[in-house]
Amino acid sequence: MSDFFNAFEMSPVPAPGPDAVAPDPFRGIYGMPMFVTIPTDDLEASADFWVRGLGFIELFGIPGQVVHLRRWAFQDVLLVPATADTATTSASGMRVSFSGVLDQLDPVAAACRALRPGNVTGPRDTPWNTRDVEVITPEGVRVVLTAARPFDPESAEGRYLASVGIVAPDTAAGDDNGVHG
């Protein structure tokens, strides 16, 4: 027996599909269960890229100290000034993924390409049934915006997932959330 259960109701990520609608940026204040802190040499330029390119909002900022960015609930990024201490722990090589919906991928890729030509890969489809866009930010962080594709158990991805033990959702029970990374 599995200890796992469907808890999609607590996630801001909508069920996958061509008509999936992204939630608005979340402006509420909560205890953040997870966030990334990214050192940068230029808070203003970095915040501008994350907002105009990746679709984040500036939730708040303390000039010269921190910029708190957010997209959906639980997608928090803190930009902080790079210091001598953070120089040895550069953001280069860091990778973080954020969920999105399919119709967000092309506009995000286009906006990021306009802001930083040559730093966007995709969109590309994955064997685990997502479509991903990878962006390298001004700080050197690899940001992946990933969106679940509608799940078809008869597709190559569906057969691959079944071969590794991930079975199709039980649509008869109303679970239409799909299988995705």
C-alpha atoms as a PDB file:
ATOM      1  CA  MET A   1       0.000   0.000   0.000  1.00  0.00           C
ATOM      2  CA  SER A   2       1.246   3.480  -0.854  1.00  0.00           C
ATOM      3  CA  ASP A   3       1.585   6.321   1.633  1.00  0.00           C
ATOM      4  CA  PHE A   4       1.026   8.805  -1.208  1.00  0.00           C
ATOM      5  CA  PHE A   5      -2.283  10.526  -1.823  1.00  0.00           C
ATOM      6  CA  ASN A   6      -3.680  13.198  -4.122  1.00  0.00           C
ATOM      7  CA  ALA A   7      -3.045  16.647  -2.617  1.00  0.00           C
ATOM      8  CA  PHE A   8      -3.343  18.780  -5.743  1.00  0.00           C
ATOM      9  CA  GLU A   9      -5.858  21.035  -3.983  1.00  0.00           C
ATOM     10  CA  MET A  10      -3.057  22.684  -1.988  1.00  0.00           C
ATOM     11  CA  SER A  11      -0.994  23.540  -5.070  1.00  0.00           C
ATOM     12  CA  PRO A  12      -1.400  26.647  -7.207  1.00  0.00           C
ATOM     13  CA  VAL A  13      -0.465  24.560 -10.272  1.00  0.00           C
ATOM     14  CA  PRO A  14      -3.550  23.968 -12.457  1.00  0.00           C
ATOM     15  CA  ALA A  15      -4.358  20.628 -14.044  1.00  0.00           C
ATOM     16  CA  PRO A  16      -2.431  20.244 -17.317  1.00  0.00           C
ATOM     17  CA  GLY A  17      -4.137  20.897 -20.601  1.00  0.00           C
ATOM     18  CA  PRO A  18      -4.359  23.324 -23.490  1.00  0.00           C
ATOM     19  CA  ASP A  19      -6.979  25.363 -21.611  1.00  0.00           C
ATOM     20  CA  ALA A  20      -5.061  25.516 -18.299  1.00  0.00           C
ATOM     21  CA  VAL A  21      -5.099  29.023 -16.853  1.00  0.00           C
ATOM     22  CA  ALA A  22      -2.161  30.320 -14.835  1.00  0.00           C
ATOM     23  CA  PRO A  23      -3.058  31.813 -11.473  1.00  0.00           C
ATOM     24  CA  ASP A  24      -2.353  35.485 -10.908  1.00  0.00           C
ATOM     25  CA  PRO A  25       0.856  36.340  -9.054  1.00  0.00           C
ATOM     26  CA  PHE A  26       0.269  35.701  -5.355  1.00  0.00           C
ATOM     27  CA  ARG A  27       0.582  38.822  -3.206  1.00  0.00           C
ATOM     28  CA  GLY A  28      -0.260  37.282   0.170  1.00  0.00           C
ATOM     29  CA  ILE A  29       2.221  37.119   3.038  1.00  0.00           C
ATOM     30  CA  TYR A  30       2.935  33.639   4.411  1.00  0.00           C
ATOM     31  CA  GLY A  31       5.700  31.629   6.047  1.00  0.00           C
ATOM     32  CA  MET A  32       7.669  30.538   2.984  1.00  0.00           C
ATOM     33  CA  PRO A  33       8.094  26.730   2.939  1.00  0.00           C
ATOM     34  CA  MET A  34      10.900  27.069   0.376  1.00  0.00           C
ATOM     35  CA  PHE A  35      12.725  29.875  -1.395  1.00  0.00           C
ATOM     36  CA  VAL A  36      15.985  30.546  -3.170  1.00  0.00           C
ATOM     37  CA  THR A  37      18.397  33.331  -2.285  1.00  0.00           C
ATOM     38  CA  ILE A  38      20.468  34.560  -5.202  1.00  0.00           C
ATOM     39  CA  PRO A  39      23.423  36.924  -4.830  1.00  0.00           C
ATOM     40  CA  THR A  40      23.761  39.529  -7.572  1.00  0.00           C
ATOM     41  CA  ASP A  41      26.126  42.341  -8.465  1.00  0.00           C
ATOM     42  CA  ASP A  42      23.206  44.543  -9.575  1.00  0.00           C
ATOM     43  CA  LEU A  43      19.926  44.240  -7.642  1.00  0.00           C
ATOM     44  CA  GLU A  44      18.036  46.606  -9.948  1.00  0.00           C
ATOM     45  CA  ALA A  45      19.094  44.954 -13.215  1.00  0.00           C
ATOM     46  CA  SER A  46      18.499  41.460 -11.839  1.00  0.00           C
ATOM     47  CA  ALA A  47      15.050  42.348 -10.493  1.00  0.00           C
ATOM     48  CA  ASP A  48      14.164  43.923 -13.850  1.00  0.00           C
ATOM     49  CA  PHE A  49      15.110  40.711 -15.698  1.00  0.00           C
ATOM     50  CA  TRP A  50      13.160  38.463 -13.317  1.00  0.00           C
ATOM     51  CA  VAL A  51      10.082  40.720 -13.574  1.00  0.00           C
ATOM     52  CA  ARG A  52      10.058  41.570 -17.300  1.00  0.00           C
ATOM     53  CA  GLY A  53      11.538  38.277 -18.518  1.00  0.00           C
ATOM     54  CA  LEU A  54      10.350  35.562 -16.172  1.00  0.00           C
ATOM     55  CA  GLY A  55       7.037  37.076 -15.081  1.00  0.00           C
ATOM     56  CA  PHE A  56       7.748  37.556 -11.386  1.00  0.00           C
ATOM     57  CA  ILE A  57       6.434  40.490  -9.359  1.00  0.00           C
ATOM     58  CA  GLU A  58       8.429  42.475  -6.850  1.00  0.00           C
ATOM     59  CA  LEU A  59       6.612  41.647  -3.624  1.00  0.00           C
ATOM     60  CA  PHE A  60       8.773  44.100  -1.700  1.00  0.00           C
ATOM     61  CA  GLY A  61      12.301  45.411  -1.508  1.00  0.00           C
ATOM     62  CA  ILE A  62      14.667  47.004   0.954  1.00  0.00           C
ATOM     63  CA  PRO A  63      16.933  49.272  -1.100  1.00  0.00           C
ATOM     64  CA  GLY A  64      20.446  47.903  -1.381  1.00  0.00           C
ATOM     65  CA  GLN A  65      19.625  44.848   0.780  1.00  0.00           C
ATOM     66  CA  VAL A  66      17.010  42.532  -0.698  1.00  0.00           C
ATOM     67  CA  VAL A  67      14.385  42.254  -3.422  1.00  0.00           C
ATOM     68  CA  HIS A  68      11.661  39.682  -2.713  1.00  0.00           C
ATOM     69  CA  LEU A  69      10.222  38.329  -5.978  1.00  0.00           C
ATOM     70  CA  ARG A  70       7.274  35.995  -6.477  1.00  0.00           C
ATOM     71  CA  ARG A  71       5.176  34.389  -9.219  1.00  0.00           C
ATOM     72  CA  TRP A  72       2.620  31.974  -7.831  1.00  0.00           C
ATOM     73  CA  ALA A  73       2.235  30.940  -4.199  1.00  0.00           C
ATOM     74  CA  PHE A  74       5.382  29.139  -3.000  1.00  0.00           C
ATOM     75  CA  GLN A  75       7.526  30.455  -5.883  1.00  0.00           C
ATOM     76  CA  ASP A  76       9.710  32.911  -3.970  1.00  0.00           C
ATOM     77  CA  VAL A  77      13.124  34.314  -4.907  1.00  0.00           C
ATOM     78  CA  LEU A  78      15.209  36.660  -2.775  1.00  0.00           C
ATOM     79  CA  LEU A  79      17.825  38.697  -4.631  1.00  0.00           C
ATOM     80  CA  VAL A  80      20.585  39.956  -2.352  1.00  0.00           C
ATOM     81  CA  PRO A  81      23.769  41.939  -3.013  1.00  0.00           C
ATOM     82  CA  ALA A  82      26.801  39.800  -3.804  1.00  0.00           C
ATOM     83  CA  THR A  83      29.510  40.098  -1.148  1.00  0.00           C
ATOM     84  CA  ALA A  84      33.007  38.723  -0.648  1.00  0.00           C
ATOM     85  CA  ASP A  85      31.369  35.802   1.219  1.00  0.00           C
ATOM     86  CA  THR A  86      28.996  34.975  -1.637  1.00  0.00           C
ATOM     87  CA  ALA A  87      31.684  35.364  -4.311  1.00  0.00           C
ATOM     88  CA  THR A  88      32.914  31.846  -3.489  1.00  0.00           C
ATOM     89  CA  THR A  89      29.370  30.472  -3.620  1.00  0.00           C
ATOM     90  CA  SER A  90      28.431  31.976  -6.964  1.00  0.00           C
ATOM     91  CA  ALA A  91      24.973  31.362  -8.383  1.00  0.00           C
ATOM     92  CA  SER A  92      26.642  29.969 -11.506  1.00  0.00           C
ATOM     93  CA  GLY A  93      25.745  26.299 -11.725  1.00  0.00           C
ATOM     94  CA  MET A  94      22.587  26.772  -9.652  1.00  0.00           C
ATOM     95  CA  ARG A  95      19.396  25.443 -11.242  1.00  0.00           C
ATOM     96  CA  VAL A  96      15.847  26.064 -10.041  1.00  0.00           C
ATOM     97  CA  SER A  97      12.547  25.069 -11.657  1.00  0.00           C
ATOM     98  CA  PHE A  98       9.176  26.801 -11.488  1.00  0.00           C
ATOM     99  CA  SER A  99       5.864  25.386 -12.674  1.00  0.00           C
ATOM    100  CA  GLY A 100       3.943  27.203 -15.357  1.00  0.00           C
ATOM    101  CA  VAL A 101       1.236  26.472 -17.899  1.00  0.00           C
ATOM    102  CA  LEU A 102       1.779  25.727 -21.569  1.00  0.00           C
ATOM    103  CA  ASP A 103       0.610  29.096 -22.902  1.00  0.00           C
ATOM    104  CA  GLN A 104       3.185  30.928 -20.751  1.00  0.00           C
ATOM    105  CA  LEU A 105       6.245  29.242 -22.233  1.00  0.00           C
ATOM    106  CA  ASP A 106       6.511  30.964 -25.615  1.00  0.00           C
ATOM    107  CA  PRO A 107       5.938  34.498 -24.212  1.00  0.00           C
ATOM    108  CA  VAL A 108       8.486  33.950 -21.412  1.00  0.00           C
ATOM    109  CA  ALA A 109      11.027  32.582 -23.902  1.00  0.00           C
ATOM    110  CA  ALA A 110      10.457  35.565 -26.219  1.00  0.00           C
ATOM    111  CA  ALA A 111      10.723  38.121 -23.399  1.00  0.00           C
ATOM    112  CA  CYS A 112      13.911  36.551 -22.059  1.00  0.00           C
ATOM    113  CA  ARG A 113      15.433  36.307 -25.552  1.00  0.00           C
ATOM    114  CA  ALA A 114      14.729  40.034 -26.035  1.00  0.00           C
ATOM    115  CA  LEU A 115      16.395  40.878 -22.708  1.00  0.00           C
ATOM    116  CA  ARG A 116      19.322  38.414 -22.911  1.00  0.00           C
ATOM    117  CA  PRO A 117      19.832  37.025 -26.430  1.00  0.00           C
ATOM    118  CA  GLY A 118      21.544  33.642 -26.495  1.00  0.00           C
ATOM    119  CA  ASN A 119      20.507  32.672 -22.953  1.00  0.00           C
ATOM    120  CA  VAL A 120      17.285  30.742 -23.661  1.00  0.00           C
ATOM    121  CA  THR A 121      16.830  27.093 -24.633  1.00  0.00           C
ATOM    122  CA  GLY A 122      13.498  25.669 -25.714  1.00  0.00           C
ATOM    123  CA  PRO A 123      10.684  25.165 -25.376  1.00  0.00           C
ATOM    124  CA  ARG A 124      11.416  21.449 -25.558  1.00  0.00           C
ATOM    125  CA  ASP A 125       9.345  18.398 -24.664  1.00  0.00           C
ATOM    126  CA  THR A 126      10.646  15.966 -22.043  1.00  0.00           C
ATOM    127  CA  PRO A 127      10.155  12.202 -21.634  1.00  0.00           C
ATOM    128  CA  TRP A 128       8.348  12.897 -18.319  1.00  0.00           C
ATOM    129  CA  ASN A 129       5.519  14.751 -20.103  1.00  0.00           C
ATOM    130  CA  THR A 130       6.480  18.382 -19.612  1.00  0.00           C
ATOM    131  CA  ARG A 131       7.473  21.188 -21.935  1.00  0.00           C
ATOM    132  CA  ASP A 132      10.397  23.237 -20.579  1.00  0.00           C
ATOM    133  CA  VAL A 133      12.093  26.548 -21.266  1.00  0.00           C
ATOM    134  CA  GLU A 134      15.537  27.067 -19.723  1.00  0.00           C
ATOM    135  CA  VAL A 135      16.813  30.603 -19.137  1.00  0.00           C
ATOM    136  CA  ILE A 136      20.179  31.726 -17.810  1.00  0.00           C
ATOM    137  CA  THR A 137      19.657  34.835 -15.676  1.00  0.00           C
ATOM    138  CA  PRO A 138      22.101  37.744 -15.299  1.00  0.00           C
ATOM    139  CA  GLU A 139      23.391  36.055 -12.103  1.00  0.00           C
ATOM    140  CA  GLY A 140      24.139  32.815 -13.959  1.00  0.00           C
ATOM    141  CA  VAL A 141      21.203  30.849 -12.500  1.00  0.00           C
ATOM    142  CA  ARG A 142      19.583  28.274 -14.777  1.00  0.00           C
ATOM    143  CA  VAL A 143      15.836  28.843 -14.386  1.00  0.00           C
ATOM    144  CA  VAL A 144      13.562  26.207 -15.878  1.00  0.00           C
ATOM    145  CA  LEU A 145       9.942  27.121 -16.441  1.00  0.00           C
ATOM    146  CA  THR A 146       8.183  23.772 -16.781  1.00  0.00           C
ATOM    147  CA  ALA A 147       4.588  23.033 -17.796  1.00  0.00           C
ATOM    148  CA  ALA A 148       2.807  19.687 -17.765  1.00  0.00           C
ATOM    149  CA  ARG A 149       1.425  18.536 -21.083  1.00  0.00           C
ATOM    150  CA  PRO A 150      -1.943  16.761 -21.327  1.00  0.00           C
ATOM    151  CA  PHE A 151      -1.349  13.147 -20.412  1.00  0.00           C
ATOM    152  CA  ASP A 152      -1.981  10.440 -22.985  1.00  0.00           C
ATOM    153  CA  PRO A 153      -1.184   6.960 -21.616  1.00  0.00           C
ATOM    154  CA  GLU A 154      -0.833   5.668 -25.216  1.00  0.00           C
ATOM    155  CA  SER A 155       1.825   8.256 -26.154  1.00  0.00           C
ATOM    156  CA  ALA A 156       5.555   7.536 -26.136  1.00  0.00           C
ATOM    157  CA  GLU A 157       5.810   9.489 -22.875  1.00  0.00           C
ATOM    158  CA  GLY A 158       2.893   7.558 -21.349  1.00  0.00           C
ATOM    159  CA  ARG A 159       4.474   4.218 -22.265  1.00  0.00           C
ATOM    160  CA  TYR A 160       7.865   5.399 -20.950  1.00  0.00           C
ATOM    161  CA  LEU A 161       6.358   6.500 -17.630  1.00  0.00           C
ATOM    162  CA  ALA A 162       4.478   3.189 -17.319  1.00  0.00           C
ATOM    163  CA  SER A 163       7.748   1.320 -17.981  1.00  0.00           C
ATOM    164  CA  VAL A 164       9.341   2.993 -14.937  1.00  0.00           C
ATOM    165  CA  GLY A 165       6.320   2.325 -12.719  1.00  0.00           C
ATOM    166  CA  ILE A 166       4.401   5.599 -13.055  1.00  0.00           C
ATOM    167  CA  VAL A 167       0.873   4.701 -14.066  1.00  0.00           C
ATOM    168  CA  ALA A 168      -1.785   6.869 -15.670  1.00  0.00           C
ATOM    169  CA  PRO A 169      -3.993   8.832 -13.296  1.00  0.00           C
ATOM    170  CA  ASP A 170      -7.381   7.330 -12.529  1.00  0.00           C
ATOM    171  CA  THR A 171      -9.591   9.647 -14.584  1.00  0.00           C
ATOM    172  CA  ALA A 172     -12.651   7.606 -13.601  1.00  0.00           C
ATOM    173  CA  ALA A 173     -12.079   8.778 -10.026  1.00  0.00           C
ATOM    174  CA  GLY A 174     -11.879  12.400 -11.165  1.00  0.00           C
ATOM    175  CA  ASP A 175      -8.083  12.678 -10.979  1.00  0.00           C
ATOM    176  CA  ASP A 176      -7.344  14.614 -14.145  1.00  0.00           C
ATOM    177  CA  ASN A 177      -4.185  16.246 -12.844  1.00  0.00           C
ATOM    178  CA  GLY A 178      -1.900  14.338 -15.177  1.00  0.00           C
ATOM    179  CA  VAL A 179       1.546  12.946 -14.593  1.00  0.00           C
ATOM    180  CA  HIS A 180       4.309  15.492 -14.662  1.00  0.00           C
ATOM    181  CA  GLY A 181       7.631  16.457 -13.129  1.00  0.00           C
END
